[in-house]
Amino acid sequence: MMIFDEQAKETFSRKIEEYVQNNGDGYIEAIISLSDDYGIEPKVAAKFISQPIIEKVQKEGQEIHLLPETSKLPI
């Protein structure tokens, strides 16, 4: 299990960006996959991602109709 300090938060967010870029998957898939890799729940991982990634996840969720257009993520 990964312990999240400030440096680990930056690393996790960077790994999400790298995953999206290298695999062509979306941010939601990247978070789920990396959460599995680190042995943590996606809900826990959500607390340790950067604000720009949160915004990208929200936009992606709206585009695939997972989130309503006016919703705000609870993180």
PDB file of N, CA and C in Angstrom:
ATOM      1  N   MET A   1       0.847  -1.191   0.000  1.00  0.00           N
ATOM      2  CA  MET A   1       0.000   0.000   0.000  1.00  0.00           C
ATOM      3  C   MET A   1       0.880   1.238   0.000  1.00  0.00           C
ATOM      4  N   MET A   2       0.454   2.235  -0.697  1.00  0.00           N
ATOM      5  CA  MET A   2       1.236   3.462  -0.840  1.00  0.00           C
ATOM      6  C   MET A   2       0.825   4.474   0.231  1.00  0.00           C
ATOM      7  N   ILE A   3       1.797   5.060   0.881  1.00  0.00           N
ATOM      8  CA  ILE A   3       1.543   6.129   1.841  1.00  0.00           C
ATOM      9  C   ILE A   3       1.619   7.447   1.068  1.00  0.00           C
ATOM     10  N   PHE A   4       0.600   8.282   1.219  1.00  0.00           N
ATOM     11  CA  PHE A   4       0.542   9.519   0.446  1.00  0.00           C
ATOM     12  C   PHE A   4       1.048  10.705   1.256  1.00  0.00           C
ATOM     13  N   ASP A   5       2.209  11.215   0.868  1.00  0.00           N
ATOM     14  CA  ASP A   5       2.677  12.490   1.374  1.00  0.00           C
ATOM     15  C   ASP A   5       2.588  13.469   0.200  1.00  0.00           C
ATOM     16  N   GLU A   6       3.048  14.665   0.366  1.00  0.00           N
ATOM     17  CA  GLU A   6       2.901  15.671  -0.694  1.00  0.00           C
ATOM     18  C   GLU A   6       3.611  15.236  -1.976  1.00  0.00           C
ATOM     19  N   GLN A   7       4.792  14.667  -1.846  1.00  0.00           N
ATOM     20  CA  GLN A   7       5.526  14.210  -3.022  1.00  0.00           C
ATOM     21  C   GLN A   7       4.786  13.058  -3.705  1.00  0.00           C
ATOM     22  N   ALA A   8       4.235  12.148  -2.923  1.00  0.00           N
ATOM     23  CA  ALA A   8       3.501  11.016  -3.481  1.00  0.00           C
ATOM     24  C   ALA A   8       2.244  11.501  -4.209  1.00  0.00           C
ATOM     25  N   LYS A   9       1.615  12.552  -3.707  1.00  0.00           N
ATOM     26  CA  LYS A   9       0.435  13.114  -4.373  1.00  0.00           C
ATOM     27  C   LYS A   9       0.809  13.614  -5.766  1.00  0.00           C
ATOM     28  N   GLU A  10       1.939  14.324  -5.848  1.00  0.00           N
ATOM     29  CA  GLU A  10       2.402  14.830  -7.143  1.00  0.00           C
ATOM     30  C   GLU A  10       2.741  13.670  -8.071  1.00  0.00           C
ATOM     31  N   THR A  11       3.385  12.655  -7.527  1.00  0.00           N
ATOM     32  CA  THR A  11       3.757  11.486  -8.314  1.00  0.00           C
ATOM     33  C   THR A  11       2.515  10.768  -8.820  1.00  0.00           C
ATOM     34  N   PHE A  12       1.516  10.592  -7.969  1.00  0.00           N
ATOM     35  CA  PHE A  12       0.292   9.900  -8.358  1.00  0.00           C
ATOM     36  C   PHE A  12      -0.422  10.663  -9.469  1.00  0.00           C
ATOM     37  N   SER A  13      -0.528  11.967  -9.331  1.00  0.00           N
ATOM     38  CA  SER A  13      -1.164  12.782 -10.373  1.00  0.00           C
ATOM     39  C   SER A  13      -0.381  12.691 -11.685  1.00  0.00           C
ATOM     40  N   ARG A  14       0.939  12.706 -11.598  1.00  0.00           N
ATOM     41  CA  ARG A  14       1.768  12.594 -12.793  1.00  0.00           C
ATOM     42  C   ARG A  14       1.576  11.226 -13.451  1.00  0.00           C
ATOM     43  N   LYS A  15       1.476  10.179 -12.633  1.00  0.00           N
ATOM     44  CA  LYS A  15       1.268   8.835 -13.168  1.00  0.00           C
ATOM     45  C   LYS A  15      -0.094   8.723 -13.867  1.00  0.00           C
ATOM     46  N   ILE A  16      -1.082   9.412 -13.347  1.00  0.00           N
ATOM     47  CA  ILE A  16      -2.393   9.430 -14.004  1.00  0.00           C
ATOM     48  C   ILE A  16      -2.264  10.056 -15.387  1.00  0.00           C
ATOM     49  N   GLU A  17      -1.592  11.201 -15.456  1.00  0.00           N
ATOM     50  CA  GLU A  17      -1.397  11.881 -16.742  1.00  0.00           C
ATOM     51  C   GLU A  17      -0.622  10.990 -17.710  1.00  0.00           C
ATOM     52  N   GLU A  18       0.426  10.329 -17.229  1.00  0.00           N
ATOM     53  CA  GLU A  18       1.223   9.438 -18.072  1.00  0.00           C
ATOM     54  C   GLU A  18       0.387   8.267 -18.568  1.00  0.00           C
ATOM     55  N   TYR A  19      -0.434   7.708 -17.694  1.00  0.00           N
ATOM     56  CA  TYR A  19      -1.287   6.581 -18.060  1.00  0.00           C
ATOM     57  C   TYR A  19      -2.223   6.981 -19.196  1.00  0.00           C
ATOM     58  N   VAL A  20      -2.850   8.128 -19.056  1.00  0.00           N
ATOM     59  CA  VAL A  20      -3.787   8.607 -20.084  1.00  0.00           C
ATOM     60  C   VAL A  20      -3.052   8.803 -21.407  1.00  0.00           C
ATOM     61  N   GLN A  21      -1.891   9.415 -21.344  1.00  0.00           N
ATOM     62  CA  GLN A  21      -1.121   9.699 -22.548  1.00  0.00           C
ATOM     63  C   GLN A  21      -0.611   8.413 -23.208  1.00  0.00           C
ATOM     64  N   ASN A  22      -0.137   7.474 -22.417  1.00  0.00           N
ATOM     65  CA  ASN A  22       0.465   6.250 -22.965  1.00  0.00           C
ATOM     66  C   ASN A  22      -0.550   5.201 -23.397  1.00  0.00           C
ATOM     67  N   ASN A  23      -1.710   5.163 -22.750  1.00  0.00           N
ATOM     68  CA  ASN A  23      -2.674   4.103 -23.023  1.00  0.00           C
ATOM     69  C   ASN A  23      -3.886   4.560 -23.827  1.00  0.00           C
ATOM     70  N   GLY A  24      -4.043   5.853 -23.967  1.00  0.00           N
ATOM     71  CA  GLY A  24      -5.178   6.354 -24.726  1.00  0.00           C
ATOM     72  C   GLY A  24      -6.509   6.199 -24.003  1.00  0.00           C
ATOM     73  N   ASP A  25      -6.471   5.804 -22.750  1.00  0.00           N
ATOM     74  CA  ASP A  25      -7.682   5.678 -21.954  1.00  0.00           C
ATOM     75  C   ASP A  25      -8.000   7.019 -21.307  1.00  0.00           C
ATOM     76  N   GLY A  26      -9.167   7.105 -20.705  1.00  0.00           N
ATOM     77  CA  GLY A  26      -9.573   8.324 -20.037  1.00  0.00           C
ATOM     78  C   GLY A  26      -9.040   8.394 -18.614  1.00  0.00           C
ATOM     79  N   TYR A  27      -9.333   9.508 -17.976  1.00  0.00           N
ATOM     80  CA  TYR A  27      -8.856   9.743 -16.611  1.00  0.00           C
ATOM     81  C   TYR A  27      -9.524   8.809 -15.603  1.00  0.00           C
ATOM     82  N   ILE A  28     -10.791   8.520 -15.826  1.00  0.00           N
ATOM     83  CA  ILE A  28     -11.496   7.625 -14.898  1.00  0.00           C
ATOM     84  C   ILE A  28     -10.841   6.250 -14.921  1.00  0.00           C
ATOM     85  N   GLU A  29     -10.594   5.733 -16.113  1.00  0.00           N
ATOM     86  CA  GLU A  29      -9.935   4.435 -16.254  1.00  0.00           C
ATOM     87  C   GLU A  29      -8.536   4.466 -15.653  1.00  0.00           C
ATOM     88  N   ALA A  30      -7.814   5.547 -15.846  1.00  0.00           N
ATOM     89  CA  ALA A  30      -6.459   5.670 -15.299  1.00  0.00           C
ATOM     90  C   ALA A  30      -6.480   5.599 -13.772  1.00  0.00           C
ATOM     91  N   ILE A  31      -7.407   6.303 -13.157  1.00  0.00           N
ATOM     92  CA  ILE A  31      -7.488   6.306 -11.693  1.00  0.00           C
ATOM     93  C   ILE A  31      -7.841   4.917 -11.173  1.00  0.00           C
ATOM     94  N   ILE A  32      -8.773   4.254 -11.833  1.00  0.00           N
ATOM     95  CA  ILE A  32      -9.163   2.906 -11.399  1.00  0.00           C
ATOM     96  C   ILE A  32      -7.987   1.943 -11.547  1.00  0.00           C
ATOM     97  N   SER A  33      -7.309   1.997 -12.679  1.00  0.00           N
ATOM     98  CA  SER A  33      -6.191   1.095 -12.929  1.00  0.00           C
ATOM     99  C   SER A  33      -5.041   1.339 -11.945  1.00  0.00           C
ATOM    100  N   LEU A  34      -4.676   2.596 -11.759  1.00  0.00           N
ATOM    101  CA  LEU A  34      -3.576   2.905 -10.836  1.00  0.00           C
ATOM    102  C   LEU A  34      -3.959   2.604  -9.391  1.00  0.00           C
ATOM    103  N   SER A  35      -5.211   2.774  -9.051  1.00  0.00           N
ATOM    104  CA  SER A  35      -5.666   2.411  -7.704  1.00  0.00           C
ATOM    105  C   SER A  35      -5.454   0.916  -7.469  1.00  0.00           C
ATOM    106  N   ASP A  36      -5.801   0.121  -8.472  1.00  0.00           N
ATOM    107  CA  ASP A  36      -5.553  -1.326  -8.382  1.00  0.00           C
ATOM    108  C   ASP A  36      -4.066  -1.615  -8.218  1.00  0.00           C
ATOM    109  N   ASP A  37      -3.248  -0.935  -9.025  1.00  0.00           N
ATOM    110  CA  ASP A  37      -1.798  -1.145  -8.958  1.00  0.00           C
ATOM    111  C   ASP A  37      -1.239  -0.842  -7.572  1.00  0.00           C
ATOM    112  N   TYR A  38      -1.766   0.199  -6.934  1.00  0.00           N
ATOM    113  CA  TYR A  38      -1.278   0.603  -5.617  1.00  0.00           C
ATOM    114  C   TYR A  38      -2.023  -0.068  -4.458  1.00  0.00           C
ATOM    115  N   GLY A  39      -3.048  -0.834  -4.790  1.00  0.00           N
ATOM    116  CA  GLY A  39      -3.794  -1.544  -3.754  1.00  0.00           C
ATOM    117  C   GLY A  39      -4.637  -0.646  -2.877  1.00  0.00           C
ATOM    118  N   ILE A  40      -5.194   0.414  -3.484  1.00  0.00           N
ATOM    119  CA  ILE A  40      -6.060   1.324  -2.738  1.00  0.00           C
ATOM    120  C   ILE A  40      -7.395   1.443  -3.465  1.00  0.00           C
ATOM    121  N   GLU A  41      -8.409   1.851  -2.745  1.00  0.00           N
ATOM    122  CA  GLU A  41      -9.720   2.083  -3.333  1.00  0.00           C
ATOM    123  C   GLU A  41      -9.697   3.382  -4.144  1.00  0.00           C
ATOM    124  N   PRO A  42     -10.401   3.425  -5.275  1.00  0.00           N
ATOM    125  CA  PRO A  42     -10.466   4.667  -6.054  1.00  0.00           C
ATOM    126  C   PRO A  42     -10.972   5.851  -5.225  1.00  0.00           C
ATOM    127  N   LYS A  43     -11.851   5.584  -4.276  1.00  0.00           N
ATOM    128  CA  LYS A  43     -12.362   6.658  -3.417  1.00  0.00           C
ATOM    129  C   LYS A  43     -11.233   7.269  -2.584  1.00  0.00           C
ATOM    130  N   VAL A  44     -10.293   6.454  -2.155  1.00  0.00           N
ATOM    131  CA  VAL A  44      -9.123   6.947  -1.407  1.00  0.00           C
ATOM    132  C   VAL A  44      -8.198   7.706  -2.353  1.00  0.00           C
ATOM    133  N   ALA A  45      -7.976   7.147  -3.525  1.00  0.00           N
ATOM    134  CA  ALA A  45      -7.104   7.790  -4.511  1.00  0.00           C
ATOM    135  C   ALA A  45      -7.617   9.169  -4.899  1.00  0.00           C
ATOM    136  N   ALA A  46      -8.938   9.321  -4.942  1.00  0.00           N
ATOM    137  CA  ALA A  46      -9.543  10.595  -5.348  1.00  0.00           C
ATOM    138  C   ALA A  46      -9.117  11.747  -4.444  1.00  0.00           C
ATOM    139  N   LYS A  47      -8.783  11.443  -3.215  1.00  0.00           N
ATOM    140  CA  LYS A  47      -8.359  12.486  -2.279  1.00  0.00           C
ATOM    141  C   LYS A  47      -6.956  12.989  -2.576  1.00  0.00           C
ATOM    142  N   PHE A  48      -6.237  12.278  -3.446  1.00  0.00           N
ATOM    143  CA  PHE A  48      -4.835  12.584  -3.672  1.00  0.00           C
ATOM    144  C   PHE A  48      -4.519  12.948  -5.113  1.00  0.00           C
ATOM    145  N   ILE A  49      -5.525  13.404  -5.848  1.00  0.00           N
ATOM    146  CA  ILE A  49      -5.273  13.849  -7.210  1.00  0.00           C
ATOM    147  C   ILE A  49      -5.384  15.367  -7.272  1.00  0.00           C
ATOM    148  N   SER A  50      -4.713  15.927  -8.242  1.00  0.00           N
ATOM    149  CA  SER A  50      -4.663  17.388  -8.363  1.00  0.00           C
ATOM    150  C   SER A  50      -5.996  17.947  -8.867  1.00  0.00           C
ATOM    151  N   GLN A  51      -6.201  19.210  -8.628  1.00  0.00           N
ATOM    152  CA  GLN A  51      -7.427  19.893  -9.056  1.00  0.00           C
ATOM    153  C   GLN A  51      -7.612  19.839 -10.575  1.00  0.00           C
ATOM    154  N   PRO A  52      -6.555  20.038 -11.371  1.00  0.00           N
ATOM    155  CA  PRO A  52      -6.759  19.929 -12.825  1.00  0.00           C
ATOM    156  C   PRO A  52      -7.258  18.545 -13.249  1.00  0.00           C
ATOM    157  N   ILE A  53      -6.788  17.490 -12.598  1.00  0.00           N
ATOM    158  CA  ILE A  53      -7.255  16.153 -12.938  1.00  0.00           C
ATOM    159  C   ILE A  53      -8.698  15.970 -12.482  1.00  0.00           C
ATOM    160  N   ILE A  54      -9.049  16.510 -11.333  1.00  0.00           N
ATOM    161  CA  ILE A  54     -10.440  16.447 -10.868  1.00  0.00           C
ATOM    162  C   ILE A  54     -11.354  17.086 -11.908  1.00  0.00           C
ATOM    163  N   GLU A  55     -10.948  18.226 -12.442  1.00  0.00           N
ATOM    164  CA  GLU A  55     -11.750  18.910 -13.451  1.00  0.00           C
ATOM    165  C   GLU A  55     -11.857  18.078 -14.731  1.00  0.00           C
ATOM    166  N   LYS A  56     -10.769  17.408 -15.113  1.00  0.00           N
ATOM    167  CA  LYS A  56     -10.799  16.559 -16.303  1.00  0.00           C
ATOM    168  C   LYS A  56     -11.704  15.351 -16.089  1.00  0.00           C
ATOM    169  N   VAL A  57     -11.679  14.782 -14.884  1.00  0.00           N
ATOM    170  CA  VAL A  57     -12.549  13.648 -14.567  1.00  0.00           C
ATOM    171  C   VAL A  57     -14.009  14.095 -14.625  1.00  0.00           C
ATOM    172  N   GLN A  58     -14.290  15.268 -14.085  1.00  0.00           N
ATOM    173  CA  GLN A  58     -15.656  15.779 -14.109  1.00  0.00           C
ATOM    174  C   GLN A  58     -16.124  15.984 -15.543  1.00  0.00           C
ATOM    175  N   LYS A  59     -15.287  16.579 -16.372  1.00  0.00           N
ATOM    176  CA  LYS A  59     -15.650  16.800 -17.780  1.00  0.00           C
ATOM    177  C   LYS A  59     -15.858  15.469 -18.492  1.00  0.00           C
ATOM    178  N   GLU A  60     -14.956  14.521 -18.255  1.00  0.00           N
ATOM    179  CA  GLU A  60     -15.077  13.199 -18.873  1.00  0.00           C
ATOM    180  C   GLU A  60     -16.372  12.512 -18.429  1.00  0.00           C
ATOM    181  N   GLY A  61     -16.675  12.595 -17.148  1.00  0.00           N
ATOM    182  CA  GLY A  61     -17.898  12.000 -16.626  1.00  0.00           C
ATOM    183  C   GLY A  61     -19.144  12.601 -17.250  1.00  0.00           C
ATOM    184  N   GLN A  62     -19.112  13.904 -17.505  1.00  0.00           N
ATOM    185  CA  GLN A  62     -20.238  14.568 -18.152  1.00  0.00           C
ATOM    186  C   GLN A  62     -20.355  14.146 -19.615  1.00  0.00           C
ATOM    187  N   GLU A  63     -19.223  13.995 -20.289  1.00  0.00           N
ATOM    188  CA  GLU A  63     -19.232  13.622 -21.701  1.00  0.00           C
ATOM    189  C   GLU A  63     -19.788  12.215 -21.916  1.00  0.00           C
ATOM    190  N   ILE A  64     -19.546  11.322 -20.972  1.00  0.00           N
ATOM    191  CA  ILE A  64     -20.045   9.949 -21.125  1.00  0.00           C
ATOM    192  C   ILE A  64     -21.351   9.752 -20.354  1.00  0.00           C
ATOM    193  N   HIS A  65     -21.934  10.856 -19.920  1.00  0.00           N
ATOM    194  CA  HIS A  65     -23.231  10.871 -19.233  1.00  0.00           C
ATOM    195  C   HIS A  65     -23.222  10.079 -17.920  1.00  0.00           C
ATOM    196  N   LEU A  66     -22.068  10.044 -17.286  1.00  0.00           N
ATOM    197  CA  LEU A  66     -21.951   9.434 -15.973  1.00  0.00           C
ATOM    198  C   LEU A  66     -22.320  10.459 -14.902  1.00  0.00           C
ATOM    199  N   LEU A  67     -22.033  11.728 -15.188  1.00  0.00           N
ATOM    200  CA  LEU A  67     -22.366  12.835 -14.285  1.00  0.00           C
ATOM    201  C   LEU A  67     -23.256  13.825 -15.028  1.00  0.00           C
ATOM    202  N   PRO A  68     -24.234  14.381 -14.345  1.00  0.00           N
ATOM    203  CA  PRO A  68     -25.036  15.435 -14.989  1.00  0.00           C
ATOM    204  C   PRO A  68     -24.175  16.670 -15.252  1.00  0.00           C
ATOM    205  N   GLU A  69     -24.567  17.455 -16.208  1.00  0.00           N
ATOM    206  CA  GLU A  69     -23.796  18.635 -16.603  1.00  0.00           C
ATOM    207  C   GLU A  69     -23.542  19.608 -15.463  1.00  0.00           C
ATOM    208  N   THR A  70     -24.443  19.705 -14.515  1.00  0.00           N
ATOM    209  CA  THR A  70     -24.293  20.697 -13.451  1.00  0.00           C
ATOM    210  C   THR A  70     -23.702  20.115 -12.167  1.00  0.00           C
ATOM    211  N   SER A  71     -23.343  18.846 -12.182  1.00  0.00           N
ATOM    212  CA  SER A  71     -22.881  18.238 -10.935  1.00  0.00           C
ATOM    213  C   SER A  71     -21.452  18.661 -10.604  1.00  0.00           C
ATOM    214  N   LYS A  72     -21.126  18.537  -9.342  1.00  0.00           N
ATOM    215  CA  LYS A  72     -19.773  18.794  -8.875  1.00  0.00           C
ATOM    216  C   LYS A  72     -19.329  17.540  -8.138  1.00  0.00           C
ATOM    217  N   LEU A  73     -18.111  17.093  -8.421  1.00  0.00           N
ATOM    218  CA  LEU A  73     -17.624  15.896  -7.746  1.00  0.00           C
ATOM    219  C   LEU A  73     -17.507  16.121  -6.249  1.00  0.00           C
ATOM    220  N   PRO A  74     -17.810  15.121  -5.468  1.00  0.00           N
ATOM    221  CA  PRO A  74     -17.768  15.274  -4.002  1.00  0.00           C
ATOM    222  C   PRO A  74     -16.368  15.095  -3.424  1.00  0.00           C
ATOM    223  N   ILE A  75     -15.354  15.570  -4.129  1.00  0.00           N
ATOM    224  CA  ILE A  75     -13.969  15.459  -3.638  1.00  0.00           C
ATOM    225  C   ILE A  75     -13.284  16.786  -3.686  1.00  0.00           C
TER     226      ILE A  75
END
